[in-house]
Amino acid sequence: MSKLIIDTDTASDDAVALIMALRHSDHEVVSITTVAGNCNVDQATSNALYTAELCGSDVPVVRGS
């Protein structure tokens, strides 16, 4: 099983990729870090937390800069 740390701005395209990674049986997402990009870092963090919650995941989400 691959262990993944995902760094994302969690805009809509990244949210879909995050869902795919969290649901994939061959990967374990061990952490999600967020950055500003298509949205500001606070929104990216909120989006990542919400996406993980929708997937039933308790993976840690860490706010970046």
PDB file of N, CA and C in Angstrom:
ATOM      1  N   MET A   1       0.852  -1.178   0.000  1.00  0.00           N
ATOM      2  CA  MET A   1       0.000   0.000   0.000  1.00  0.00           C
ATOM      3  C   MET A   1       0.895   1.237   0.000  1.00  0.00           C
ATOM      4  N   SER A   2       0.640   2.137  -0.930  1.00  0.00           N
ATOM      5  CA  SER A   2       1.371   3.403  -0.994  1.00  0.00           C
ATOM      6  C   SER A   2       0.826   4.364   0.052  1.00  0.00           C
ATOM      7  N   LYS A   3       1.734   5.068   0.719  1.00  0.00           N
ATOM      8  CA  LYS A   3       1.336   6.110   1.667  1.00  0.00           C
ATOM      9  C   LYS A   3       1.529   7.457   0.991  1.00  0.00           C
ATOM     10  N   LEU A   4       0.502   8.303   1.074  1.00  0.00           N
ATOM     11  CA  LEU A   4       0.524   9.578   0.368  1.00  0.00           C
ATOM     12  C   LEU A   4       0.368  10.747   1.322  1.00  0.00           C
ATOM     13  N   ILE A   5       1.127  11.805   1.057  1.00  0.00           N
ATOM     14  CA  ILE A   5       0.885  13.119   1.638  1.00  0.00           C
ATOM     15  C   ILE A   5       0.456  13.986   0.463  1.00  0.00           C
ATOM     16  N   ILE A   6      -0.716  14.561   0.560  1.00  0.00           N
ATOM     17  CA  ILE A   6      -1.260  15.355  -0.545  1.00  0.00           C
ATOM     18  C   ILE A   6      -1.198  16.825  -0.172  1.00  0.00           C
ATOM     19  N   ASP A   7      -0.561  17.618  -1.037  1.00  0.00           N
ATOM     20  CA  ASP A   7      -0.462  19.068  -0.880  1.00  0.00           C
ATOM     21  C   ASP A   7      -1.368  19.685  -1.935  1.00  0.00           C
ATOM     22  N   THR A   8      -2.318  20.514  -1.521  1.00  0.00           N
ATOM     23  CA  THR A   8      -3.380  20.931  -2.435  1.00  0.00           C
ATOM     24  C   THR A   8      -3.916  22.315  -2.121  1.00  0.00           C
ATOM     25  N   ASP A   9      -4.471  22.978  -3.126  1.00  0.00           N
ATOM     26  CA  ASP A   9      -5.244  24.200  -2.877  1.00  0.00           C
ATOM     27  C   ASP A   9      -6.742  23.870  -2.770  1.00  0.00           C
ATOM     28  N   THR A  10      -7.074  22.607  -2.935  1.00  0.00           N
ATOM     29  CA  THR A  10      -8.422  22.048  -2.788  1.00  0.00           C
ATOM     30  C   THR A  10      -9.505  22.836  -3.518  1.00  0.00           C
ATOM     31  N   ALA A  11      -9.173  23.298  -4.722  1.00  0.00           N
ATOM     32  CA  ALA A  11     -10.223  23.816  -5.596  1.00  0.00           C
ATOM     33  C   ALA A  11     -10.981  22.596  -6.137  1.00  0.00           C
ATOM     34  N   SER A  12     -11.955  22.799  -6.973  1.00  0.00           N
ATOM     35  CA  SER A  12     -12.841  21.703  -7.378  1.00  0.00           C
ATOM     36  C   SER A  12     -12.101  20.524  -8.010  1.00  0.00           C
ATOM     37  N   ASP A  13     -11.114  20.790  -8.866  1.00  0.00           N
ATOM     38  CA  ASP A  13     -10.387  19.685  -9.499  1.00  0.00           C
ATOM     39  C   ASP A  13      -9.582  18.891  -8.479  1.00  0.00           C
ATOM     40  N   ASP A  14      -8.974  19.581  -7.518  1.00  0.00           N
ATOM     41  CA  ASP A  14      -8.200  18.895  -6.477  1.00  0.00           C
ATOM     42  C   ASP A  14      -9.116  18.139  -5.526  1.00  0.00           C
ATOM     43  N   ALA A  15     -10.292  18.647  -5.274  1.00  0.00           N
ATOM     44  CA  ALA A  15     -11.238  17.951  -4.399  1.00  0.00           C
ATOM     45  C   ALA A  15     -11.629  16.608  -5.007  1.00  0.00           C
ATOM     46  N   VAL A  16     -11.835  16.570  -6.307  1.00  0.00           N
ATOM     47  CA  VAL A  16     -12.168  15.308  -6.976  1.00  0.00           C
ATOM     48  C   VAL A  16     -10.997  14.337  -6.861  1.00  0.00           C
ATOM     49  N   ALA A  17      -9.776  14.821  -7.090  1.00  0.00           N
ATOM     50  CA  ALA A  17      -8.593  13.962  -6.966  1.00  0.00           C
ATOM     51  C   ALA A  17      -8.423  13.477  -5.526  1.00  0.00           C
ATOM     52  N   LEU A  18      -8.710  14.337  -4.566  1.00  0.00           N
ATOM     53  CA  LEU A  18      -8.616  13.969  -3.161  1.00  0.00           C
ATOM     54  C   LEU A  18      -9.624  12.864  -2.819  1.00  0.00           C
ATOM     55  N   ILE A  19     -10.836  12.991  -3.314  1.00  0.00           N
ATOM     56  CA  ILE A  19     -11.841  11.946  -3.108  1.00  0.00           C
ATOM     57  C   ILE A  19     -11.361  10.619  -3.694  1.00  0.00           C
ATOM     58  N   MET A  20     -10.807  10.670  -4.886  1.00  0.00           N
ATOM     59  CA  MET A  20     -10.313   9.450  -5.521  1.00  0.00           C
ATOM     60  C   MET A  20      -9.193   8.816  -4.696  1.00  0.00           C
ATOM     61  N   ALA A  21      -8.279   9.629  -4.186  1.00  0.00           N
ATOM     62  CA  ALA A  21      -7.176   9.101  -3.384  1.00  0.00           C
ATOM     63  C   ALA A  21      -7.673   8.525  -2.065  1.00  0.00           C
ATOM     64  N   LEU A  22      -8.603   9.223  -1.415  1.00  0.00           N
ATOM     65  CA  LEU A  22      -9.120   8.747  -0.129  1.00  0.00           C
ATOM     66  C   LEU A  22      -9.922   7.464  -0.271  1.00  0.00           C
ATOM     67  N   ARG A  23     -10.527   7.254  -1.425  1.00  0.00           N
ATOM     68  CA  ARG A  23     -11.361   6.071  -1.660  1.00  0.00           C
ATOM     69  C   ARG A  23     -10.593   4.899  -2.270  1.00  0.00           C
ATOM     70  N   HIS A  24      -9.379   5.132  -2.734  1.00  0.00           N
ATOM     71  CA  HIS A  24      -8.614   4.096  -3.438  1.00  0.00           C
ATOM     72  C   HIS A  24      -8.032   3.095  -2.441  1.00  0.00           C
ATOM     73  N   SER A  25      -8.245   1.832  -2.677  1.00  0.00           N
ATOM     74  CA  SER A  25      -7.816   0.806  -1.725  1.00  0.00           C
ATOM     75  C   SER A  25      -6.313   0.530  -1.750  1.00  0.00           C
ATOM     76  N   ASP A  26      -5.605   0.946  -2.799  1.00  0.00           N
ATOM     77  CA  ASP A  26      -4.164   0.713  -2.882  1.00  0.00           C
ATOM     78  C   ASP A  26      -3.337   1.837  -2.275  1.00  0.00           C
ATOM     79  N   HIS A  27      -4.001   2.891  -1.774  1.00  0.00           N
ATOM     80  CA  HIS A  27      -3.291   4.044  -1.217  1.00  0.00           C
ATOM     81  C   HIS A  27      -3.827   4.374   0.167  1.00  0.00           C
ATOM     82  N   GLU A  28      -2.923   4.870   1.001  1.00  0.00           N
ATOM     83  CA  GLU A  28      -3.329   5.407   2.298  1.00  0.00           C
ATOM     84  C   GLU A  28      -2.906   6.868   2.346  1.00  0.00           C
ATOM     85  N   VAL A  29      -3.856   7.763   2.424  1.00  0.00           N
ATOM     86  CA  VAL A  29      -3.545   9.181   2.569  1.00  0.00           C
ATOM     87  C   VAL A  29      -3.250   9.401   4.055  1.00  0.00           C
ATOM     88  N   VAL A  30      -2.008   9.774   4.362  1.00  0.00           N
ATOM     89  CA  VAL A  30      -1.614   9.930   5.766  1.00  0.00           C
ATOM     90  C   VAL A  30      -1.711  11.372   6.236  1.00  0.00           C
ATOM     91  N   SER A  31      -1.738  12.315   5.300  1.00  0.00           N
ATOM     92  CA  SER A  31      -1.861  13.728   5.658  1.00  0.00           C
ATOM     93  C   SER A  31      -2.250  14.531   4.420  1.00  0.00           C
ATOM     94  N   ILE A  32      -2.963  15.617   4.674  1.00  0.00           N
ATOM     95  CA  ILE A  32      -3.290  16.574   3.621  1.00  0.00           C
ATOM     96  C   ILE A  32      -2.779  17.919   4.088  1.00  0.00           C
ATOM     97  N   THR A  33      -1.973  18.571   3.250  1.00  0.00           N
ATOM     98  CA  THR A  33      -1.524  19.927   3.544  1.00  0.00           C
ATOM     99  C   THR A  33      -2.160  20.863   2.530  1.00  0.00           C
ATOM    100  N   THR A  34      -2.422  22.091   2.958  1.00  0.00           N
ATOM    101  CA  THR A  34      -3.127  23.026   2.081  1.00  0.00           C
ATOM    102  C   THR A  34      -2.293  24.272   1.826  1.00  0.00           C
ATOM    103  N   VAL A  35      -2.482  24.843   0.657  1.00  0.00           N
ATOM    104  CA  VAL A  35      -1.795  26.060   0.235  1.00  0.00           C
ATOM    105  C   VAL A  35      -2.779  26.946  -0.523  1.00  0.00           C
ATOM    106  N   ALA A  36      -2.412  28.200  -0.680  1.00  0.00           N
ATOM    107  CA  ALA A  36      -3.198  29.116  -1.511  1.00  0.00           C
ATOM    108  C   ALA A  36      -2.946  28.782  -2.978  1.00  0.00           C
ATOM    109  N   GLY A  37      -3.933  29.004  -3.784  1.00  0.00           N
ATOM    110  CA  GLY A  37      -3.810  28.759  -5.222  1.00  0.00           C
ATOM    111  C   GLY A  37      -5.030  29.329  -5.899  1.00  0.00           C
ATOM    112  N   ASN A  38      -5.938  28.456  -6.346  1.00  0.00           N
ATOM    113  CA  ASN A  38      -7.187  28.914  -6.949  1.00  0.00           C
ATOM    114  C   ASN A  38      -8.107  29.543  -5.910  1.00  0.00           C
ATOM    115  N   CYS A  39      -7.818  29.314  -4.634  1.00  0.00           N
ATOM    116  CA  CYS A  39      -8.539  29.956  -3.533  1.00  0.00           C
ATOM    117  C   CYS A  39      -7.527  30.244  -2.422  1.00  0.00           C
ATOM    118  N   ASN A  40      -7.918  31.048  -1.437  1.00  0.00           N
ATOM    119  CA  ASN A  40      -6.973  31.368  -0.365  1.00  0.00           C
ATOM    120  C   ASN A  40      -6.783  30.151   0.543  1.00  0.00           C
ATOM    121  N   VAL A  41      -5.752  30.185   1.356  1.00  0.00           N
ATOM    122  CA  VAL A  41      -5.377  29.018   2.162  1.00  0.00           C
ATOM    123  C   VAL A  41      -6.457  28.638   3.183  1.00  0.00           C
ATOM    124  N   ASP A  42      -7.160  29.621   3.723  1.00  0.00           N
ATOM    125  CA  ASP A  42      -8.229  29.295   4.669  1.00  0.00           C
ATOM    126  C   ASP A  42      -9.362  28.535   3.983  1.00  0.00           C
ATOM    127  N   GLN A  43      -9.741  28.955   2.793  1.00  0.00           N
ATOM    128  CA  GLN A  43     -10.780  28.254   2.039  1.00  0.00           C
ATOM    129  C   GLN A  43     -10.290  26.880   1.615  1.00  0.00           C
ATOM    130  N   ALA A  44      -9.029  26.785   1.208  1.00  0.00           N
ATOM    131  CA  ALA A  44      -8.461  25.493   0.823  1.00  0.00           C
ATOM    132  C   ALA A  44      -8.498  24.512   1.986  1.00  0.00           C
ATOM    133  N   THR A  45      -8.183  24.993   3.184  1.00  0.00           N
ATOM    134  CA  THR A  45      -8.205  24.145   4.376  1.00  0.00           C
ATOM    135  C   THR A  45      -9.624  23.696   4.688  1.00  0.00           C
ATOM    136  N   SER A  46     -10.552  24.624   4.636  1.00  0.00           N
ATOM    137  CA  SER A  46     -11.955  24.292   4.865  1.00  0.00           C
ATOM    138  C   SER A  46     -12.444  23.259   3.856  1.00  0.00           C
ATOM    139  N   ASN A  47     -12.102  23.452   2.588  1.00  0.00           N
ATOM    140  CA  ASN A  47     -12.503  22.514   1.534  1.00  0.00           C
ATOM    141  C   ASN A  47     -11.908  21.129   1.762  1.00  0.00           C
ATOM    142  N   ALA A  48     -10.641  21.069   2.172  1.00  0.00           N
ATOM    143  CA  ALA A  48      -9.985  19.777   2.419  1.00  0.00           C
ATOM    144  C   ALA A  48     -10.638  19.059   3.591  1.00  0.00           C
ATOM    145  N   LEU A  49     -10.931  19.791   4.660  1.00  0.00           N
ATOM    146  CA  LEU A  49     -11.595  19.194   5.815  1.00  0.00           C
ATOM    147  C   LEU A  49     -12.972  18.650   5.433  1.00  0.00           C
ATOM    148  N   TYR A  50     -13.715  19.417   4.667  1.00  0.00           N
ATOM    149  CA  TYR A  50     -15.045  19.011   4.231  1.00  0.00           C
ATOM    150  C   TYR A  50     -14.968  17.788   3.323  1.00  0.00           C
ATOM    151  N   THR A  51     -14.021  17.782   2.409  1.00  0.00           N
ATOM    152  CA  THR A  51     -13.873  16.662   1.479  1.00  0.00           C
ATOM    153  C   THR A  51     -13.513  15.388   2.237  1.00  0.00           C
ATOM    154  N   ALA A  52     -12.580  15.487   3.174  1.00  0.00           N
ATOM    155  CA  ALA A  52     -12.204  14.320   3.975  1.00  0.00           C
ATOM    156  C   ALA A  52     -13.395  13.818   4.780  1.00  0.00           C
ATOM    157  N   GLU A  53     -14.156  14.740   5.344  1.00  0.00           N
ATOM    158  CA  GLU A  53     -15.344  14.359   6.122  1.00  0.00           C
ATOM    159  C   GLU A  53     -16.361  13.628   5.244  1.00  0.00           C
ATOM    160  N   LEU A  54     -16.581  14.121   4.025  1.00  0.00           N
ATOM    161  CA  LEU A  54     -17.514  13.457   3.105  1.00  0.00           C
ATOM    162  C   LEU A  54     -17.095  12.027   2.807  1.00  0.00           C
ATOM    163  N   CYS A  55     -15.786  11.790   2.817  1.00  0.00           N
ATOM    164  CA  CYS A  55     -15.265  10.446   2.535  1.00  0.00           C
ATOM    165  C   CYS A  55     -15.186   9.582   3.786  1.00  0.00           C
ATOM    166  N   GLY A  56     -15.574  10.129   4.931  1.00  0.00           N
ATOM    167  CA  GLY A  56     -15.503   9.376   6.172  1.00  0.00           C
ATOM    168  C   GLY A  56     -14.080   9.178   6.663  1.00  0.00           C
ATOM    169  N   SER A  57     -13.191  10.076   6.276  1.00  0.00           N
ATOM    170  CA  SER A  57     -11.782   9.967   6.634  1.00  0.00           C
ATOM    171  C   SER A  57     -11.449  10.897   7.797  1.00  0.00           C
ATOM    172  N   ASP A  58     -10.561  10.432   8.661  1.00  0.00           N
ATOM    173  CA  ASP A  58     -10.082  11.280   9.750  1.00  0.00           C
ATOM    174  C   ASP A  58      -8.616  11.668   9.551  1.00  0.00           C
ATOM    175  N   VAL A  59      -8.171  11.670   8.299  1.00  0.00           N
ATOM    176  CA  VAL A  59      -6.799  12.053   7.972  1.00  0.00           C
ATOM    177  C   VAL A  59      -6.534  13.474   8.446  1.00  0.00           C
ATOM    178  N   PRO A  60      -5.346  13.738   9.011  1.00  0.00           N
ATOM    179  CA  PRO A  60      -5.054  15.107   9.459  1.00  0.00           C
ATOM    180  C   PRO A  60      -4.936  16.075   8.278  1.00  0.00           C
ATOM    181  N   VAL A  61      -5.488  17.258   8.466  1.00  0.00           N
ATOM    182  CA  VAL A  61      -5.388  18.336   7.474  1.00  0.00           C
ATOM    183  C   VAL A  61      -4.595  19.456   8.127  1.00  0.00           C
ATOM    184  N   VAL A  62      -3.493  19.862   7.476  1.00  0.00           N
ATOM    185  CA  VAL A  62      -2.591  20.863   8.032  1.00  0.00           C
ATOM    186  C   VAL A  62      -2.575  22.079   7.123  1.00  0.00           C
ATOM    187  N   ARG A  63      -2.886  23.250   7.698  1.00  0.00           N
ATOM    188  CA  ARG A  63      -2.899  24.512   6.955  1.00  0.00           C
ATOM    189  C   ARG A  63      -1.473  24.944   6.661  1.00  0.00           C
ATOM    190  N   GLY A  64      -1.185  25.207   5.398  1.00  0.00           N
ATOM    191  CA  GLY A  64       0.119  25.716   4.992  1.00  0.00           C
ATOM    192  C   GLY A  64       0.089  27.227   4.864  1.00  0.00           C
ATOM    193  N   SER A  65       1.008  27.748   4.059  1.00  0.00           N
ATOM    194  CA  SER A  65       1.082  29.206   3.896  1.00  0.00           C
ATOM    195  C   SER A  65       0.549  29.637   2.543  1.00  0.00           C
TER     196      SER A  65
END
